[in-house]
């Protein structure tokens, strides 16, 4: 399946932006993405379980991102 032209252009721009970054900038971007993912998971859990205390939310987020 071919991607629409606009999506291919956007992907090319993203690749170019990443290639222009230094290694430390890429590392920081990855860390920021990870933090955002954890924050979003916490927000989702709070919305689904408004009765949960913050400690339970934090535990559930840790469980989700825990590596075995």
N, C-alpha and C. Protein backbone atom coordinates (compact mmCIF):
# COMPACT_ATOMS: atom_id res chain seq x y z
N UNK A 1 0.84 -1.18 0.00
CA UNK A 1 0.00 0.00 0.00
C UNK A 1 0.88 1.25 0.00
N UNK A 2 0.61 2.14 -0.91
CA UNK A 2 1.37 3.38 -0.99
C UNK A 2 0.82 4.41 -0.02
N UNK A 3 1.74 5.12 0.61
CA UNK A 3 1.33 6.20 1.52
C UNK A 3 1.02 7.44 0.69
N UNK A 4 0.09 8.23 1.16
CA UNK A 4 -0.17 9.51 0.47
C UNK A 4 1.08 10.37 0.45
N UNK A 5 1.19 11.18 -0.56
CA UNK A 5 2.38 12.02 -0.77
C UNK A 5 2.69 12.89 0.44
N UNK A 6 1.66 13.48 1.05
CA UNK A 6 1.86 14.36 2.21
C UNK A 6 2.52 13.61 3.36
N UNK A 7 2.10 12.37 3.60
CA UNK A 7 2.69 11.59 4.69
C UNK A 7 4.16 11.30 4.40
N UNK A 8 4.48 10.94 3.16
CA UNK A 8 5.87 10.69 2.80
C UNK A 8 6.71 11.95 2.99
N UNK A 9 6.17 13.10 2.63
CA UNK A 9 6.90 14.36 2.82
C UNK A 9 7.15 14.62 4.30
N UNK A 10 6.13 14.39 5.11
CA UNK A 10 6.27 14.59 6.56
C UNK A 10 7.33 13.65 7.14
N UNK A 11 7.30 12.39 6.71
CA UNK A 11 8.30 11.43 7.18
C UNK A 11 9.71 11.86 6.78
N UNK A 12 9.86 12.32 5.56
CA UNK A 12 11.17 12.79 5.10
C UNK A 12 11.65 13.98 5.92
N UNK A 13 10.74 14.87 6.27
CA UNK A 13 11.11 16.02 7.10
C UNK A 13 11.53 15.57 8.49
N UNK A 14 10.83 14.58 9.04
CA UNK A 14 11.20 14.06 10.37
C UNK A 14 12.57 13.41 10.33
N UNK A 15 12.84 12.63 9.31
CA UNK A 15 14.15 11.99 9.18
C UNK A 15 15.24 13.04 9.06
N UNK A 16 15.00 14.06 8.25
CA UNK A 16 15.99 15.12 8.07
C UNK A 16 16.24 15.85 9.40
N UNK A 17 15.18 16.11 10.15
CA UNK A 17 15.33 16.79 11.44
C UNK A 17 16.14 15.94 12.41
N UNK A 18 15.87 14.64 12.44
CA UNK A 18 16.62 13.75 13.34
C UNK A 18 18.09 13.66 12.93
N UNK A 19 18.35 13.60 11.65
CA UNK A 19 19.74 13.53 11.18
C UNK A 19 20.51 14.80 11.51
N UNK A 20 19.80 15.92 11.57
CA UNK A 20 20.45 17.20 11.87
C UNK A 20 20.77 17.36 13.35
N UNK A 21 20.16 16.53 14.19
CA UNK A 21 20.38 16.63 15.64
C UNK A 21 21.69 15.96 16.04
N UNK A 22 22.27 16.48 17.10
CA UNK A 22 23.43 15.81 17.70
C UNK A 22 22.94 14.59 18.47
N UNK A 23 23.87 13.73 18.83
CA UNK A 23 23.50 12.54 19.59
C UNK A 23 22.83 12.91 20.91
N UNK A 24 23.34 13.94 21.59
CA UNK A 24 22.74 14.34 22.86
C UNK A 24 21.34 14.92 22.66
N UNK A 25 21.12 15.61 21.54
CA UNK A 25 19.78 16.12 21.26
C UNK A 25 18.81 14.97 20.98
N UNK A 26 19.27 13.95 20.25
CA UNK A 26 18.42 12.79 19.99
C UNK A 26 18.11 12.05 21.29
N UNK A 27 19.12 11.93 22.16
CA UNK A 27 18.91 11.27 23.44
C UNK A 27 17.87 12.04 24.27
N UNK A 28 17.98 13.36 24.29
CA UNK A 28 17.03 14.18 25.03
C UNK A 28 15.62 14.04 24.44
N UNK A 29 15.52 14.01 23.12
CA UNK A 29 14.21 13.84 22.47
C UNK A 29 13.60 12.49 22.86
N UNK A 30 14.42 11.44 22.91
CA UNK A 30 13.93 10.12 23.31
C UNK A 30 13.46 10.14 24.76
N UNK A 31 14.22 10.78 25.63
CA UNK A 31 13.82 10.88 27.04
C UNK A 31 12.51 11.65 27.18
N UNK A 32 12.38 12.74 26.43
CA UNK A 32 11.15 13.54 26.47
C UNK A 32 9.94 12.72 26.00
N UNK A 33 10.14 11.92 24.95
CA UNK A 33 9.08 11.06 24.43
C UNK A 33 8.66 10.04 25.49
N UNK A 34 9.63 9.44 26.16
CA UNK A 34 9.36 8.45 27.20
C UNK A 34 8.59 9.08 28.35
N UNK A 35 9.02 10.26 28.77
CA UNK A 35 8.32 10.96 29.85
C UNK A 35 6.89 11.29 29.45
N UNK A 36 6.71 11.74 28.21
CA UNK A 36 5.36 12.04 27.72
C UNK A 36 4.48 10.80 27.72
N UNK A 37 5.04 9.67 27.30
CA UNK A 37 4.28 8.42 27.29
C UNK A 37 3.84 8.03 28.70
N UNK A 38 4.73 8.17 29.66
CA UNK A 38 4.39 7.85 31.05
C UNK A 38 3.32 8.81 31.57
N UNK A 39 3.45 10.11 31.25
CA UNK A 39 2.45 11.09 31.68
C UNK A 39 1.08 10.79 31.08
N UNK A 40 1.06 10.43 29.79
CA UNK A 40 -0.21 10.09 29.13
C UNK A 40 -0.84 8.86 29.75
N UNK A 41 -0.03 7.85 30.06
CA UNK A 41 -0.56 6.64 30.69
C UNK A 41 -1.16 6.99 32.05
N UNK A 42 -0.47 7.82 32.82
CA UNK A 42 -1.00 8.24 34.11
C UNK A 42 -2.31 8.99 33.97
N UNK A 43 -2.40 9.87 33.00
CA UNK A 43 -3.64 10.62 32.77
C UNK A 43 -4.79 9.69 32.40
N UNK A 44 -4.49 8.71 31.55
CA UNK A 44 -5.52 7.75 31.15
C UNK A 44 -6.02 6.95 32.36
N UNK A 45 -5.07 6.49 33.19
CA UNK A 45 -5.46 5.71 34.36
C UNK A 45 -6.28 6.54 35.35
N UNK A 46 -5.92 7.81 35.51
CA UNK A 46 -6.69 8.69 36.41
C UNK A 46 -8.11 8.87 35.89
N UNK A 47 -8.25 8.99 34.56
CA UNK A 47 -9.58 9.15 33.97
C UNK A 47 -10.42 7.87 34.12
N UNK A 48 -9.76 6.72 33.94
CA UNK A 48 -10.48 5.45 34.05
C UNK A 48 -10.78 5.06 35.49
N UNK A 49 -9.93 5.48 36.40
CA UNK A 49 -10.06 5.09 37.82
C UNK A 49 -9.95 6.33 38.72
N UNK A 50 -10.95 7.18 38.70
CA UNK A 50 -10.87 8.41 39.51
C UNK A 50 -10.80 8.14 41.01
N UNK A 51 -11.16 6.93 41.43
CA UNK A 51 -11.12 6.59 42.85
C UNK A 51 -9.74 6.13 43.31
N UNK A 52 -8.84 5.87 42.38
CA UNK A 52 -7.50 5.41 42.76
C UNK A 52 -6.69 6.55 43.39
N UNK A 53 -5.98 6.26 44.47
CA UNK A 53 -5.05 7.26 45.01
C UNK A 53 -3.85 7.40 44.05
N UNK A 54 -3.16 8.50 44.16
CA UNK A 54 -2.03 8.77 43.27
C UNK A 54 -0.96 7.69 43.34
N UNK A 55 -0.77 7.11 44.50
CA UNK A 55 0.23 6.05 44.64
C UNK A 55 -0.13 4.84 43.78
N UNK A 56 -1.41 4.49 43.72
CA UNK A 56 -1.85 3.36 42.88
C UNK A 56 -1.65 3.67 41.40
N UNK A 57 -1.92 4.91 41.00
CA UNK A 57 -1.70 5.32 39.61
C UNK A 57 -0.21 5.18 39.28
N UNK A 58 0.64 5.68 40.16
CA UNK A 58 2.09 5.61 39.92
C UNK A 58 2.56 4.16 39.82
N UNK A 59 2.01 3.29 40.66
CA UNK A 59 2.37 1.87 40.61
C UNK A 59 1.95 1.25 39.27
N UNK A 60 0.76 1.58 38.82
CA UNK A 60 0.25 1.02 37.56
C UNK A 60 1.09 1.51 36.38
N UNK A 61 1.51 2.77 36.43
CA UNK A 61 2.38 3.29 35.36
C UNK A 61 3.71 2.55 35.38
N UNK A 62 4.28 2.38 36.55
CA UNK A 62 5.55 1.63 36.66
C UNK A 62 5.40 0.22 36.11
N UNK A 63 4.31 -0.44 36.46
CA UNK A 63 4.07 -1.80 35.98
C UNK A 63 4.00 -1.84 34.46
N UNK A 64 3.36 -0.86 33.89
CA UNK A 64 3.21 -0.80 32.44
C UNK A 64 4.55 -0.67 31.74
N UNK A 65 5.46 0.10 32.32
CA UNK A 65 6.74 0.38 31.68
C UNK A 65 7.89 -0.48 32.22
N UNK A 66 7.55 -1.40 33.11
CA UNK A 66 8.58 -2.27 33.70
C UNK A 66 9.04 -3.29 32.67
N UNK A 67 10.34 -3.51 32.64
CA UNK A 67 10.91 -4.52 31.76
C UNK A 67 11.17 -5.80 32.56
N UNK A 68 10.83 -6.91 31.98
CA UNK A 68 11.13 -8.21 32.62
C UNK A 68 12.48 -8.70 32.18
